[in-house]
Amino acid sequence: MLTALSAAGAEPAKKPAVLPIPPGFDPAALRERLASVDSADVARACGNLQAPWAYRGPFGRERTMRSYGRHHADSLVARAIATHLLSATRVDTATKMASIEVECDPARAKPIYLLALHGRGRSTFVLLRFDVAAALCFDAEEPLAMLRLGPAVDSLWATLAELMYDDPLLRGERPSLPADWEAWPFIGDTVVVTQLPKATWRVPPVFPPVAIQMDLSGVVMVQVLIGKDGLVKDAYVLSGHPVLRDDALEAVWQWKFKPALSHDGPVPSWVAIPVRFTMK
């Protein structure tokens, strides 16, 4: 930050600009939620673990996260879990957690768990990943933060092992991490491209009848994963009126693209697409 001192007769120094809060970063709200936990549910997580908070609509159900083997935790265990999470060594934006797909076959499971922490009539969800010693925290449809667990990872492993007595993974040792794991950058899903993707086939959205009755117009922002073949592989809503979300997603799932290019050829890429609903 540069600070300027203004002399007499000169223009006064401008106040420094306030940097925008990065998406998926609300540590104050997360701390407040974790401090009021009174029960919890813990289960194995599997399926598509990319943006588990995101709304994908009826056409994207197969791309959502799933869970199985649920165990309920009383207030004592739930508060212990919350305390371990509050002791995390670092808080970062949720968007820096790289995506992963995990098979739902228990024989091929990975040490990744979904925690639902309940308190004050609401639930806070935590995707606990022992494979990278980090926790992704979110509300029903909003990311809150990513926690670097630090020493708390051992306490969380022991707490879950006691609660989930029938989980074979928790009967063994916690997955080891490289010595330099605390220095991992956690940059999320990134790729360097030489050419951005370009839409070659657009399908306009159908205006929902209820929106016509409400005289409702607006824009739905959809985050879209475009594969190397130019087809949509995943899509979820970033923002927009709930009445318009399903029709926006249905339209975008049918779009086709010229894929993004890197030095080695076509690569998958995420793009944000505005879907406009305008009353004529």
C-alpha atoms as a PDB file:
ATOM      1  CA  MET A   1       0.000   0.000   0.000  1.00  0.00           C
ATOM      2  CA  LEU A   2       1.361   3.447  -0.940  1.00  0.00           C
ATOM      3  CA  THR A   3       0.528   6.388   1.347  1.00  0.00           C
ATOM      4  CA  ALA A   4       0.730   9.955  -0.020  1.00  0.00           C
ATOM      5  CA  LEU A   5       1.122  13.071   2.143  1.00  0.00           C
ATOM      6  CA  SER A   6      -0.497  16.173   0.616  1.00  0.00           C
ATOM      7  CA  ALA A   7       1.191  19.558   0.911  1.00  0.00           C
ATOM      8  CA  ALA A   8      -0.699  22.820   1.277  1.00  0.00           C
ATOM      9  CA  GLY A   9      -2.600  23.662  -1.873  1.00  0.00           C
ATOM     10  CA  ALA A  10      -2.270  20.153  -3.282  1.00  0.00           C
ATOM     11  CA  GLU A  11      -5.115  17.713  -3.730  1.00  0.00           C
ATOM     12  CA  PRO A  12      -5.847  15.657  -0.608  1.00  0.00           C
ATOM     13  CA  ALA A  13      -4.690  12.091  -0.670  1.00  0.00           C
ATOM     14  CA  LYS A  14      -7.348   9.591  -1.638  1.00  0.00           C
ATOM     15  CA  LYS A  15      -8.381   6.917   0.795  1.00  0.00           C
ATOM     16  CA  PRO A  16      -7.006   3.493  -0.113  1.00  0.00           C
ATOM     17  CA  ALA A  17      -9.471   1.324  -1.981  1.00  0.00           C
ATOM     18  CA  VAL A  18     -11.099  -1.443   0.007  1.00  0.00           C
ATOM     19  CA  LEU A  19     -10.202  -4.781  -1.512  1.00  0.00           C
ATOM     20  CA  PRO A  20     -13.221  -6.972  -2.316  1.00  0.00           C
ATOM     21  CA  ILE A  21     -13.775 -10.038  -0.178  1.00  0.00           C
ATOM     22  CA  PRO A  22     -12.841 -13.125  -2.211  1.00  0.00           C
ATOM     23  CA  PRO A  23     -15.680 -15.556  -2.952  1.00  0.00           C
ATOM     24  CA  GLY A  24     -16.192 -18.276  -0.388  1.00  0.00           C
ATOM     25  CA  PHE A  25     -14.386 -16.429   2.391  1.00  0.00           C
ATOM     26  CA  ASP A  26     -16.396 -15.495   5.489  1.00  0.00           C
ATOM     27  CA  PRO A  27     -14.337 -16.568   8.526  1.00  0.00           C
ATOM     28  CA  ALA A  28     -16.359 -14.438  10.956  1.00  0.00           C
ATOM     29  CA  ALA A  29     -19.618 -16.171  10.002  1.00  0.00           C
ATOM     30  CA  LEU A  30     -17.906 -19.560  10.160  1.00  0.00           C
ATOM     31  CA  ARG A  31     -16.516 -18.930  13.646  1.00  0.00           C
ATOM     32  CA  GLU A  32     -19.936 -17.822  14.851  1.00  0.00           C
ATOM     33  CA  ARG A  33     -21.526 -20.979  13.468  1.00  0.00           C
ATOM     34  CA  LEU A  34     -18.910 -23.329  14.936  1.00  0.00           C
ATOM     35  CA  ALA A  35     -19.270 -21.701  18.344  1.00  0.00           C
ATOM     36  CA  SER A  36     -22.983 -22.639  18.545  1.00  0.00           C
ATOM     37  CA  VAL A  37     -22.958 -26.346  17.627  1.00  0.00           C
ATOM     38  CA  ASP A  38     -25.149 -28.720  19.650  1.00  0.00           C
ATOM     39  CA  SER A  39     -25.213 -31.911  17.521  1.00  0.00           C
ATOM     40  CA  ALA A  40     -23.751 -33.351  14.343  1.00  0.00           C
ATOM     41  CA  ASP A  41     -24.065 -36.026  11.677  1.00  0.00           C
ATOM     42  CA  VAL A  42     -21.001 -37.600  10.083  1.00  0.00           C
ATOM     43  CA  ALA A  43     -20.914 -39.729   6.929  1.00  0.00           C
ATOM     44  CA  ARG A  44     -18.591 -40.840   4.143  1.00  0.00           C
ATOM     45  CA  ALA A  45     -18.554 -38.475   1.167  1.00  0.00           C
ATOM     46  CA  CYS A  46     -18.354 -39.634  -2.436  1.00  0.00           C
ATOM     47  CA  GLY A  47     -19.264 -38.640  -5.966  1.00  0.00           C
ATOM     48  CA  ASN A  48     -18.406 -35.242  -7.404  1.00  0.00           C
ATOM     49  CA  LEU A  49     -16.844 -33.112  -4.665  1.00  0.00           C
ATOM     50  CA  GLN A  50     -16.505 -29.999  -6.823  1.00  0.00           C
ATOM     51  CA  ALA A  51     -18.449 -27.103  -5.254  1.00  0.00           C
ATOM     52  CA  PRO A  52     -20.653 -29.334  -3.056  1.00  0.00           C
ATOM     53  CA  TRP A  53     -22.741 -26.331  -2.002  1.00  0.00           C
ATOM     54  CA  ALA A  54     -23.766 -25.465  -5.565  1.00  0.00           C
ATOM     55  CA  TYR A  55     -27.243 -25.882  -7.062  1.00  0.00           C
ATOM     56  CA  ARG A  56     -27.142 -27.966 -10.235  1.00  0.00           C
ATOM     57  CA  GLY A  57     -30.862 -28.527 -10.839  1.00  0.00           C
ATOM     58  CA  PRO A  58     -32.642 -31.647 -12.123  1.00  0.00           C
ATOM     59  CA  PHE A  59     -30.255 -32.066 -15.078  1.00  0.00           C
ATOM     60  CA  GLY A  60     -27.191 -32.093 -12.847  1.00  0.00           C
ATOM     61  CA  ARG A  61     -28.257 -34.545 -10.162  1.00  0.00           C
ATOM     62  CA  GLU A  62     -25.679 -37.100 -11.238  1.00  0.00           C
ATOM     63  CA  ARG A  63     -22.963 -34.480 -10.672  1.00  0.00           C
ATOM     64  CA  THR A  64     -23.766 -33.860  -7.011  1.00  0.00           C
ATOM     65  CA  MET A  65     -21.990 -35.087  -3.921  1.00  0.00           C
ATOM     66  CA  ARG A  66     -23.410 -38.132  -2.125  1.00  0.00           C
ATOM     67  CA  SER A  67     -22.924 -39.557   1.347  1.00  0.00           C
ATOM     68  CA  TYR A  68     -23.494 -42.864   3.131  1.00  0.00           C
ATOM     69  CA  GLY A  69     -22.874 -44.573   6.458  1.00  0.00           C
ATOM     70  CA  ARG A  70     -24.235 -41.743   8.586  1.00  0.00           C
ATOM     71  CA  HIS A  71     -23.514 -41.607  12.335  1.00  0.00           C
ATOM     72  CA  HIS A  72     -25.098 -39.153  14.756  1.00  0.00           C
ATOM     73  CA  ALA A  73     -22.979 -37.275  17.298  1.00  0.00           C
ATOM     74  CA  ASP A  74     -24.340 -35.863  20.548  1.00  0.00           C
ATOM     75  CA  SER A  75     -23.543 -32.384  21.828  1.00  0.00           C
ATOM     76  CA  LEU A  76     -20.306 -33.438  23.535  1.00  0.00           C
ATOM     77  CA  VAL A  77     -18.777 -34.997  20.417  1.00  0.00           C
ATOM     78  CA  ALA A  78     -20.182 -32.309  18.121  1.00  0.00           C
ATOM     79  CA  ARG A  79     -18.643 -29.525  20.196  1.00  0.00           C
ATOM     80  CA  ALA A  80     -15.324 -31.364  20.280  1.00  0.00           C
ATOM     81  CA  ILE A  81     -15.350 -31.520  16.469  1.00  0.00           C
ATOM     82  CA  ALA A  82     -16.194 -27.804  16.269  1.00  0.00           C
ATOM     83  CA  THR A  83     -13.382 -26.970  18.715  1.00  0.00           C
ATOM     84  CA  HIS A  84     -10.852 -28.881  16.605  1.00  0.00           C
ATOM     85  CA  LEU A  85     -12.015 -27.021  13.495  1.00  0.00           C
ATOM     86  CA  LEU A  86     -11.764 -23.660  15.280  1.00  0.00           C
ATOM     87  CA  SER A  87      -8.113 -24.413  16.055  1.00  0.00           C
ATOM     88  CA  ALA A  88      -7.224 -24.627  12.349  1.00  0.00           C
ATOM     89  CA  THR A  89      -3.895 -23.027  11.525  1.00  0.00           C
ATOM     90  CA  ARG A  90      -5.125 -21.047   8.525  1.00  0.00           C
ATOM     91  CA  VAL A  91      -8.387 -19.871   6.963  1.00  0.00           C
ATOM     92  CA  ASP A  92      -8.549 -19.416   3.196  1.00  0.00           C
ATOM     93  CA  THR A  93     -11.109 -19.010   0.444  1.00  0.00           C
ATOM     94  CA  ALA A  94     -13.163 -22.093  -0.392  1.00  0.00           C
ATOM     95  CA  THR A  95     -12.409 -21.713  -4.104  1.00  0.00           C
ATOM     96  CA  LYS A  96      -8.793 -22.821  -3.530  1.00  0.00           C
ATOM     97  CA  MET A  97      -9.858 -26.397  -2.781  1.00  0.00           C
ATOM     98  CA  ALA A  98      -9.236 -28.508  -5.868  1.00  0.00           C
ATOM     99  CA  SER A  99     -12.082 -30.735  -7.013  1.00  0.00           C
ATOM    100  CA  ILE A 100     -12.005 -34.508  -6.776  1.00  0.00           C
ATOM    101  CA  GLU A 101     -14.279 -37.407  -7.703  1.00  0.00           C
ATOM    102  CA  VAL A 102     -14.541 -40.338  -5.301  1.00  0.00           C
ATOM    103  CA  GLU A 103     -16.169 -43.681  -6.025  1.00  0.00           C
ATOM    104  CA  CYS A 104     -19.085 -44.606  -3.778  1.00  0.00           C
ATOM    105  CA  ASP A 105     -17.970 -48.225  -3.553  1.00  0.00           C
ATOM    106  CA  PRO A 106     -16.934 -48.664   0.125  1.00  0.00           C
ATOM    107  CA  ALA A 107     -14.084 -50.929  -0.968  1.00  0.00           C
ATOM    108  CA  ARG A 108     -12.558 -48.002  -2.895  1.00  0.00           C
ATOM    109  CA  ALA A 109     -13.388 -45.259  -0.429  1.00  0.00           C
ATOM    110  CA  LYS A 110     -11.067 -42.401   0.428  1.00  0.00           C
ATOM    111  CA  PRO A 111     -10.732 -40.749   3.856  1.00  0.00           C
ATOM    112  CA  ILE A 112     -13.146 -37.927   3.005  1.00  0.00           C
ATOM    113  CA  TYR A 113     -16.147 -37.252   5.242  1.00  0.00           C
ATOM    114  CA  LEU A 114     -19.188 -34.987   5.226  1.00  0.00           C
ATOM    115  CA  LEU A 115     -20.014 -33.348   8.541  1.00  0.00           C
ATOM    116  CA  ALA A 116     -23.338 -31.635   9.196  1.00  0.00           C
ATOM    117  CA  LEU A 117     -22.980 -29.476  12.302  1.00  0.00           C
ATOM    118  CA  HIS A 118     -26.315 -28.370  13.760  1.00  0.00           C
ATOM    119  CA  GLY A 119     -26.994 -25.437  16.040  1.00  0.00           C
ATOM    120  CA  ARG A 120     -29.462 -22.563  16.456  1.00  0.00           C
ATOM    121  CA  GLY A 121     -31.842 -24.080  13.944  1.00  0.00           C
ATOM    122  CA  ARG A 122     -29.366 -24.193  11.061  1.00  0.00           C
ATOM    123  CA  SER A 123     -26.740 -26.539   9.659  1.00  0.00           C
ATOM    124  CA  THR A 124     -23.155 -25.883   8.657  1.00  0.00           C
ATOM    125  CA  PHE A 125     -21.552 -28.469   6.386  1.00  0.00           C
ATOM    126  CA  VAL A 126     -17.895 -29.466   6.397  1.00  0.00           C
ATOM    127  CA  LEU A 127     -16.197 -31.596   3.763  1.00  0.00           C
ATOM    128  CA  LEU A 128     -13.370 -33.061   5.819  1.00  0.00           C
ATOM    129  CA  ARG A 129     -10.511 -34.237   3.613  1.00  0.00           C
ATOM    130  CA  PHE A 130      -7.820 -36.151   5.464  1.00  0.00           C
ATOM    131  CA  ASP A 131      -6.024 -36.730   2.153  1.00  0.00           C
ATOM    132  CA  VAL A 132      -4.967 -33.059   2.119  1.00  0.00           C
ATOM    133  CA  ALA A 133      -5.524 -32.161   5.812  1.00  0.00           C
ATOM    134  CA  ALA A 134      -8.101 -29.509   4.982  1.00  0.00           C
ATOM    135  CA  ALA A 135     -11.784 -28.829   5.564  1.00  0.00           C
ATOM    136  CA  LEU A 136     -14.175 -27.150   3.124  1.00  0.00           C
ATOM    137  CA  CYS A 137     -16.972 -25.350   5.003  1.00  0.00           C
ATOM    138  CA  PHE A 138     -20.250 -24.235   3.467  1.00  0.00           C
ATOM    139  CA  ASP A 139     -23.904 -23.452   4.042  1.00  0.00           C
ATOM    140  CA  ALA A 140     -26.676 -25.163   2.090  1.00  0.00           C
ATOM    141  CA  GLU A 141     -25.741 -23.277  -1.112  1.00  0.00           C
ATOM    142  CA  GLU A 142     -22.983 -20.855  -0.081  1.00  0.00           C
ATOM    143  CA  PRO A 143     -19.253 -21.480   0.525  1.00  0.00           C
ATOM    144  CA  LEU A 144     -17.877 -20.122   3.795  1.00  0.00           C
ATOM    145  CA  ALA A 145     -14.156 -20.916   3.890  1.00  0.00           C
ATOM    146  CA  MET A 146     -11.442 -23.552   3.654  1.00  0.00           C
ATOM    147  CA  LEU A 147      -9.529 -24.517   6.799  1.00  0.00           C
ATOM    148  CA  ARG A 148      -5.952 -25.767   6.870  1.00  0.00           C
ATOM    149  CA  LEU A 149      -6.185 -28.150   9.805  1.00  0.00           C
ATOM    150  CA  GLY A 150      -2.606 -28.269  11.082  1.00  0.00           C
ATOM    151  CA  PRO A 151      -2.202 -30.233  14.349  1.00  0.00           C
ATOM    152  CA  ALA A 152      -5.990 -30.518  14.654  1.00  0.00           C
ATOM    153  CA  VAL A 153      -6.033 -33.185  11.947  1.00  0.00           C
ATOM    154  CA  ASP A 154      -4.911 -35.871  14.411  1.00  0.00           C
ATOM    155  CA  SER A 155      -7.582 -34.901  16.958  1.00  0.00           C
ATOM    156  CA  LEU A 156     -10.289 -34.970  14.290  1.00  0.00           C
ATOM    157  CA  TRP A 157      -9.136 -38.386  13.072  1.00  0.00           C
ATOM    158  CA  ALA A 158      -9.302 -39.778  16.620  1.00  0.00           C
ATOM    159  CA  THR A 159     -12.732 -38.227  17.280  1.00  0.00           C
ATOM    160  CA  LEU A 160     -14.223 -39.630  14.081  1.00  0.00           C
ATOM    161  CA  ALA A 161     -12.612 -43.027  14.709  1.00  0.00           C
ATOM    162  CA  GLU A 162     -14.373 -43.253  18.072  1.00  0.00           C
ATOM    163  CA  LEU A 163     -17.712 -42.134  16.631  1.00  0.00           C
ATOM    164  CA  MET A 164     -17.634 -44.224  13.419  1.00  0.00           C
ATOM    165  CA  TYR A 165     -16.643 -47.515  15.031  1.00  0.00           C
ATOM    166  CA  ASP A 166     -17.593 -49.530  11.903  1.00  0.00           C
ATOM    167  CA  ASP A 167     -15.489 -47.501   9.435  1.00  0.00           C
ATOM    168  CA  PRO A 168     -12.493 -49.634   8.324  1.00  0.00           C
ATOM    169  CA  LEU A 169     -10.493 -46.620   7.154  1.00  0.00           C
ATOM    170  CA  LEU A 170     -10.620 -45.017  10.590  1.00  0.00           C
ATOM    171  CA  ARG A 171      -9.409 -48.252  12.188  1.00  0.00           C
ATOM    172  CA  GLY A 172      -6.016 -47.739  10.613  1.00  0.00           C
ATOM    173  CA  GLU A 173      -3.522 -44.902  10.699  1.00  0.00           C
ATOM    174  CA  ARG A 174      -4.286 -41.474   9.342  1.00  0.00           C
ATOM    175  CA  PRO A 175      -2.958 -40.967   5.792  1.00  0.00           C
ATOM    176  CA  SER A 176       0.545 -39.543   5.926  1.00  0.00           C
ATOM    177  CA  LEU A 177       1.351 -36.261   4.214  1.00  0.00           C
ATOM    178  CA  PRO A 178       4.625 -34.982   2.739  1.00  0.00           C
ATOM    179  CA  ALA A 179       6.850 -32.995   5.081  1.00  0.00           C
ATOM    180  CA  ASP A 180       6.149 -29.793   3.144  1.00  0.00           C
ATOM    181  CA  TRP A 181       2.352 -30.186   3.072  1.00  0.00           C
ATOM    182  CA  GLU A 182       1.820 -26.976   5.075  1.00  0.00           C
ATOM    183  CA  ALA A 183       3.403 -25.039   2.202  1.00  0.00           C
ATOM    184  CA  TRP A 184       1.038 -26.436  -0.432  1.00  0.00           C
ATOM    185  CA  PRO A 185      -0.404 -23.492  -2.372  1.00  0.00           C
ATOM    186  CA  PHE A 186      -4.015 -24.783  -2.677  1.00  0.00           C
ATOM    187  CA  ILE A 187      -4.759 -22.937  -5.906  1.00  0.00           C
ATOM    188  CA  GLY A 188      -7.927 -24.821  -6.831  1.00  0.00           C
ATOM    189  CA  ASP A 189      -8.729 -25.970 -10.359  1.00  0.00           C
ATOM    190  CA  THR A 190      -6.504 -23.870 -12.623  1.00  0.00           C
ATOM    191  CA  VAL A 191      -5.099 -24.298 -16.106  1.00  0.00           C
ATOM    192  CA  VAL A 192      -3.102 -21.971 -18.366  1.00  0.00           C
ATOM    193  CA  VAL A 193      -4.798 -21.568 -21.741  1.00  0.00           C
ATOM    194  CA  THR A 194      -3.716 -19.924 -24.962  1.00  0.00           C
ATOM    195  CA  GLN A 195      -7.280 -19.656 -26.270  1.00  0.00           C
ATOM    196  CA  LEU A 196     -10.534 -19.348 -24.355  1.00  0.00           C
ATOM    197  CA  PRO A 197     -13.523 -21.592 -25.162  1.00  0.00           C
ATOM    198  CA  LYS A 198     -16.095 -20.260 -27.606  1.00  0.00           C
ATOM    199  CA  ALA A 199     -19.755 -21.211 -27.860  1.00  0.00           C
ATOM    200  CA  THR A 200     -20.682 -22.818 -31.203  1.00  0.00           C
ATOM    201  CA  TRP A 201     -24.251 -23.867 -30.367  1.00  0.00           C
ATOM    202  CA  ARG A 202     -26.514 -21.939 -27.995  1.00  0.00           C
ATOM    203  CA  VAL A 203     -29.915 -23.040 -26.762  1.00  0.00           C
ATOM    204  CA  PRO A 204     -32.073 -20.180 -25.449  1.00  0.00           C
ATOM    205  CA  PRO A 205     -33.789 -20.777 -22.107  1.00  0.00           C
ATOM    206  CA  VAL A 206     -37.509 -21.419 -21.883  1.00  0.00           C
ATOM    207  CA  PHE A 207     -39.229 -18.623 -19.989  1.00  0.00           C
ATOM    208  CA  PRO A 208     -40.996 -20.371 -17.060  1.00  0.00           C
ATOM    209  CA  PRO A 209     -44.759 -19.609 -16.910  1.00  0.00           C
ATOM    210  CA  VAL A 210     -44.556 -18.649 -13.238  1.00  0.00           C
ATOM    211  CA  ALA A 211     -41.950 -16.001 -14.123  1.00  0.00           C
ATOM    212  CA  ILE A 212     -44.333 -14.569 -16.716  1.00  0.00           C
ATOM    213  CA  GLN A 213     -47.073 -14.375 -14.096  1.00  0.00           C
ATOM    214  CA  MET A 214     -44.655 -12.624 -11.743  1.00  0.00           C
ATOM    215  CA  ASP A 215     -43.465 -10.258 -14.513  1.00  0.00           C
ATOM    216  CA  LEU A 216     -39.980 -11.455 -13.612  1.00  0.00           C
ATOM    217  CA  SER A 217     -36.836 -10.785 -15.644  1.00  0.00           C
ATOM    218  CA  GLY A 218     -33.208 -11.192 -14.729  1.00  0.00           C
ATOM    219  CA  VAL A 219     -29.858 -12.862 -15.272  1.00  0.00           C
ATOM    220  CA  VAL A 220     -28.746 -16.250 -13.962  1.00  0.00           C
ATOM    221  CA  MET A 221     -24.980 -16.708 -13.786  1.00  0.00           C
ATOM    222  CA  VAL A 222     -24.033 -20.330 -14.480  1.00  0.00           C
ATOM    223  CA  GLN A 223     -20.567 -21.781 -13.901  1.00  0.00           C
ATOM    224  CA  VAL A 224     -19.888 -24.301 -16.656  1.00  0.00           C
ATOM    225  CA  LEU A 225     -17.207 -26.973 -17.052  1.00  0.00           C
ATOM    226  CA  ILE A 226     -16.411 -27.471 -20.741  1.00  0.00           C
ATOM    227  CA  GLY A 227     -14.671 -30.713 -21.611  1.00  0.00           C
ATOM    228  CA  LYS A 228     -11.952 -31.300 -24.174  1.00  0.00           C
ATOM    229  CA  ASP A 229     -14.684 -32.427 -26.573  1.00  0.00           C
ATOM    230  CA  GLY A 230     -16.547 -29.118 -26.256  1.00  0.00           C
ATOM    231  CA  LEU A 231     -19.494 -30.594 -24.336  1.00  0.00           C
ATOM    232  CA  VAL A 232     -20.757 -29.397 -20.966  1.00  0.00           C
ATOM    233  CA  LYS A 233     -19.522 -31.710 -18.211  1.00  0.00           C
ATOM    234  CA  ASP A 234     -20.826 -29.829 -15.181  1.00  0.00           C
ATOM    235  CA  ALA A 235     -22.925 -26.736 -14.537  1.00  0.00           C
ATOM    236  CA  TYR A 236     -24.161 -25.017 -11.434  1.00  0.00           C
ATOM    237  CA  VAL A 237     -25.742 -21.693 -10.492  1.00  0.00           C
ATOM    238  CA  LEU A 238     -23.586 -18.879  -9.135  1.00  0.00           C
ATOM    239  CA  SER A 239     -26.400 -16.364  -8.750  1.00  0.00           C
ATOM    240  CA  GLY A 240     -29.907 -15.612  -9.996  1.00  0.00           C
ATOM    241  CA  HIS A 241     -33.555 -15.768  -9.037  1.00  0.00           C
ATOM    242  CA  PRO A 242     -34.638 -19.248  -7.843  1.00  0.00           C
ATOM    243  CA  VAL A 243     -37.592 -19.287 -10.267  1.00  0.00           C
ATOM    244  CA  LEU A 244     -35.231 -18.974 -13.231  1.00  0.00           C
ATOM    245  CA  ARG A 245     -32.460 -21.340 -12.162  1.00  0.00           C
ATOM    246  CA  ASP A 246     -33.740 -24.675 -13.502  1.00  0.00           C
ATOM    247  CA  ASP A 247     -34.500 -23.316 -16.972  1.00  0.00           C
ATOM    248  CA  ALA A 248     -31.130 -21.578 -17.169  1.00  0.00           C
ATOM    249  CA  LEU A 249     -29.347 -24.813 -16.284  1.00  0.00           C
ATOM    250  CA  GLU A 250     -31.435 -26.869 -18.709  1.00  0.00           C
ATOM    251  CA  ALA A 251     -30.489 -24.542 -21.555  1.00  0.00           C
ATOM    252  CA  VAL A 252     -26.762 -24.390 -20.760  1.00  0.00           C
ATOM    253  CA  TRP A 253     -26.434 -28.169 -20.462  1.00  0.00           C
ATOM    254  CA  GLN A 254     -27.300 -28.316 -24.196  1.00  0.00           C
ATOM    255  CA  TRP A 255     -24.716 -25.771 -25.340  1.00  0.00           C
ATOM    256  CA  LYS A 256     -21.686 -26.816 -27.373  1.00  0.00           C
ATOM    257  CA  PHE A 257     -18.292 -25.133 -27.484  1.00  0.00           C
ATOM    258  CA  LYS A 258     -14.978 -24.969 -29.202  1.00  0.00           C
ATOM    259  CA  PRO A 259     -12.863 -26.038 -26.194  1.00  0.00           C
ATOM    260  CA  ALA A 260     -10.127 -24.009 -24.577  1.00  0.00           C
ATOM    261  CA  LEU A 261      -6.646 -24.594 -25.952  1.00  0.00           C
ATOM    262  CA  SER A 262      -3.368 -24.967 -24.132  1.00  0.00           C
ATOM    263  CA  HIS A 263       0.073 -25.587 -25.559  1.00  0.00           C
ATOM    264  CA  ASP A 264      -0.694 -29.328 -25.578  1.00  0.00           C
ATOM    265  CA  GLY A 265      -4.084 -29.004 -27.275  1.00  0.00           C
ATOM    266  CA  PRO A 266      -7.693 -28.896 -25.955  1.00  0.00           C
ATOM    267  CA  VAL A 267      -8.115 -28.757 -22.162  1.00  0.00           C
ATOM    268  CA  PRO A 268     -11.135 -28.737 -19.830  1.00  0.00           C
ATOM    269  CA  SER A 269     -11.995 -25.293 -18.512  1.00  0.00           C
ATOM    270  CA  TRP A 270     -14.523 -23.506 -16.312  1.00  0.00           C
ATOM    271  CA  VAL A 271     -16.346 -20.428 -17.620  1.00  0.00           C
ATOM    272  CA  ALA A 272     -19.122 -18.245 -16.198  1.00  0.00           C
ATOM    273  CA  ILE A 273     -22.072 -17.794 -18.565  1.00  0.00           C
ATOM    274  CA  PRO A 274     -24.849 -15.207 -18.064  1.00  0.00           C
ATOM    275  CA  VAL A 275     -28.283 -16.533 -19.049  1.00  0.00           C
ATOM    276  CA  ARG A 276     -30.666 -13.615 -19.579  1.00  0.00           C
ATOM    277  CA  PHE A 277     -34.426 -13.782 -19.135  1.00  0.00           C
ATOM    278  CA  THR A 278     -36.017 -10.680 -20.700  1.00  0.00           C
ATOM    279  CA  MET A 279     -39.744 -10.079 -20.890  1.00  0.00           C
ATOM    280  CA  LYS A 280     -40.717  -9.010 -24.405  1.00  0.00           C
END
